[in-house]
Protein backbone atom coordinates (compact mmCIF):
# COMPACT_ATOMS: atom_id res chain seq x y z
CA MET A 1 26.13 26.02 13.52
CA ARG A 2 27.41 26.52 9.99
CA ASN A 3 28.12 22.78 9.62
CA LEU A 4 24.58 22.02 10.75
CA LEU A 5 23.17 24.39 8.12
CA ILE A 6 25.29 22.78 5.38
CA LEU A 7 24.16 19.32 6.49
CA PHE A 8 20.49 20.39 6.46
CA LEU A 9 20.75 21.94 2.98
CA SER A 10 22.56 18.89 1.61
CA MET A 11 19.93 16.52 3.00
CA SER A 12 17.03 18.58 1.67
CA LEU A 13 18.62 18.67 -1.80
CA PHE A 14 19.13 14.89 -1.69
CA TYR A 15 15.53 14.19 -0.66
CA SER A 16 14.01 16.60 -3.18
CA CYS A 17 15.87 14.87 -6.01
CA ASP A 18 14.80 11.49 -4.65
CA ASP A 19 11.10 12.51 -4.63
CA LYS A 20 11.22 13.40 -8.33
CA ASN A 21 12.56 9.94 -9.21
CA ASP A 22 9.77 8.26 -7.23
CA CYS A 23 7.21 10.02 -9.37
CA GLU A 24 8.44 8.77 -12.72
CA GLY A 25 6.64 5.47 -13.13
CA PHE A 26 7.12 5.34 -16.89
CA ASP A 27 9.11 7.11 -19.58
CA VAL A 28 7.35 8.73 -22.51
CA GLY A 29 8.17 6.83 -25.69
CA LYS A 30 9.21 3.59 -23.93
CA GLU A 31 7.20 0.41 -23.31
CA PHE A 32 6.16 -0.26 -19.73
CA GLU A 33 4.22 -2.89 -17.78
CA ILE A 34 1.25 -1.99 -15.61
CA ALA A 35 -0.87 -4.20 -13.34
CA ILE A 36 -4.63 -4.04 -12.79
CA ASN A 37 -5.50 -1.23 -10.34
CA GLU A 38 -1.97 0.17 -10.58
CA THR A 39 -1.33 3.84 -11.35
CA LEU A 40 1.91 4.93 -12.99
CA GLU A 41 2.92 8.56 -13.39
CA ASN A 42 5.28 10.71 -15.35
CA CYS A 43 5.32 13.91 -13.28
CA PRO A 44 7.49 16.05 -15.55
CA LYS A 45 4.90 15.54 -18.33
CA ASN A 46 1.93 15.63 -15.86
CA ILE A 47 0.55 12.30 -17.14
CA SER A 48 -0.74 9.31 -15.20
CA ILE A 49 -2.44 6.09 -16.23
CA THR A 50 -4.44 3.61 -14.16
CA LEU A 51 -5.14 0.14 -15.54
CA LEU A 52 -8.69 -0.89 -14.64
CA ASP A 53 -9.09 -4.26 -16.37
CA ILE A 54 -7.50 -6.76 -18.75
CA GLN A 55 -9.61 -9.23 -20.72
CA ASP A 56 -7.43 -11.80 -22.43
CA SER A 57 -9.28 -14.24 -24.69
CA ARG A 58 -6.23 -15.38 -26.66
CA CYS A 59 -5.99 -19.10 -27.27
CA PRO A 60 -4.12 -20.51 -24.25
CA THR A 61 -1.02 -22.63 -24.61
CA GLY A 62 -2.12 -26.27 -24.61
CA ALA A 63 -5.53 -25.58 -26.18
CA VAL A 64 -6.90 -25.97 -29.69
CA CYS A 65 -8.91 -22.90 -30.71
CA ILE A 66 -10.87 -21.84 -33.77
CA TRP A 67 -9.71 -18.22 -33.54
CA GLU A 68 -6.70 -16.41 -32.12
CA GLY A 69 -8.61 -14.36 -29.54
CA MET A 70 -7.71 -10.85 -28.42
CA ILE A 71 -6.70 -8.59 -25.56
CA VAL A 72 -8.94 -5.75 -24.36
CA VAL A 73 -7.75 -3.32 -21.70
CA GLU A 74 -9.61 -0.58 -19.89
CA ALA A 75 -7.66 2.29 -18.40
CA GLN A 76 -7.97 5.84 -17.22
CA LEU A 77 -5.49 8.34 -18.59
CA LYS A 78 -4.98 11.66 -16.85
CA ILE A 79 -3.20 14.48 -18.68
CA GLU A 80 -2.78 17.79 -16.85
CA GLY A 81 -5.75 16.93 -14.60
CA LYS A 82 -8.10 15.89 -17.42
CA ASP A 83 -9.47 12.31 -17.14
CA ILE A 84 -9.82 10.23 -20.29
CA ASP A 85 -11.37 6.74 -20.27
CA LEU A 86 -9.60 4.31 -22.63
CA GLN A 87 -10.52 0.97 -24.12
CA LEU A 88 -7.84 -0.58 -26.31
CA SER A 89 -7.78 -3.93 -28.10
CA THR A 90 -5.55 -6.07 -30.27
CA ASN A 91 -8.53 -6.85 -32.55
CA LYS A 92 -10.52 -3.81 -33.64
CA ASN A 93 -12.87 -5.83 -35.85
CA ALA A 94 -14.06 -8.08 -33.01
CA SER A 95 -14.03 -5.59 -30.13
CA GLY A 96 -14.73 -2.25 -31.80
CA PHE A 97 -11.70 -0.74 -30.01
CA ALA A 98 -8.46 0.26 -31.72
CA ASP A 99 -5.03 -0.71 -30.38
CA GLU A 100 -4.16 2.95 -29.83
CA PHE A 101 -5.74 6.19 -28.72
CA SER A 102 -4.48 9.70 -29.43
CA THR A 103 -4.98 13.06 -27.79
CA SER A 104 -3.68 16.27 -29.30
CA GLU A 105 -0.26 15.63 -27.68
CA TYR A 106 0.11 11.91 -26.88
CA THR A 107 -0.67 8.44 -28.21
CA VAL A 108 -1.33 5.44 -25.95
CA LYS A 109 -0.75 2.08 -27.65
CA LEU A 110 -1.52 -1.43 -26.41
CA ILE A 111 1.45 -3.68 -27.15
CA ASP A 112 0.67 -6.96 -25.33
CA ALA A 113 -0.50 -8.59 -22.10
CA ILE A 114 1.50 -10.95 -19.91
CA PRO A 115 1.68 -13.66 -18.82
CA TYR A 116 0.36 -15.52 -21.83
CA SER A 117 -2.54 -17.82 -20.92
CA ASP A 118 -1.64 -21.46 -20.30
CA LEU A 119 -4.34 -24.12 -20.03
CA ASN A 120 -2.20 -26.23 -17.67
CA ASN A 121 -0.95 -23.32 -15.55
CA PRO A 122 -3.69 -20.74 -14.95
CA HIS A 123 -2.62 -17.29 -13.78
CA LYS A 124 -4.21 -15.19 -11.07
CA THR A 125 -5.80 -11.88 -12.00
CA GLU A 126 -3.23 -10.01 -9.90
CA ASP A 127 -0.42 -11.52 -12.02
CA LYS A 128 -1.76 -9.98 -15.24
CA ARG A 129 0.05 -7.00 -16.76
CA ALA A 130 -0.58 -4.89 -19.82
CA ILE A 131 2.33 -3.66 -21.88
CA LEU A 132 1.70 -0.14 -23.13
CA VAL A 133 3.62 2.76 -24.58
CA ILE A 134 2.68 6.41 -24.25
CA SER A 135 4.52 8.51 -26.80
CA LYS A 136 4.59 12.11 -27.89
CA ARG A 137 2.35 12.47 -30.90
CA SER A 138 4.15 13.49 -34.07
CA THR A 139 2.76 16.53 -35.83
């Protein structure tokens, strides 16, 4: 009976630690990739982010363009249960959206989008990823 109790306690400890690791979809302060309609979480900080859309108008490889284009992403940030709609861009002048957004505690910054557009090798929407970083805001 005692061995059974020890086995049960050991297994519950193992699974509770495993659940915590499943929850951490990104690390605060480190770049991460996120796909459209994907939600990533950082449970210890009680933050999640869902990427809603990526618009990538950068000049594709193999094309000749008159301007460099830009990336615009739409996302929903949730901090401690509060929803915040985000629109970030790599070209504030053309889009009206900055490349970062700050709350009182955190900053979300758009770094890039992948894969880079290629005129001869178009990518599917589900292959697109935004590269973001959510960092603790310095005071």
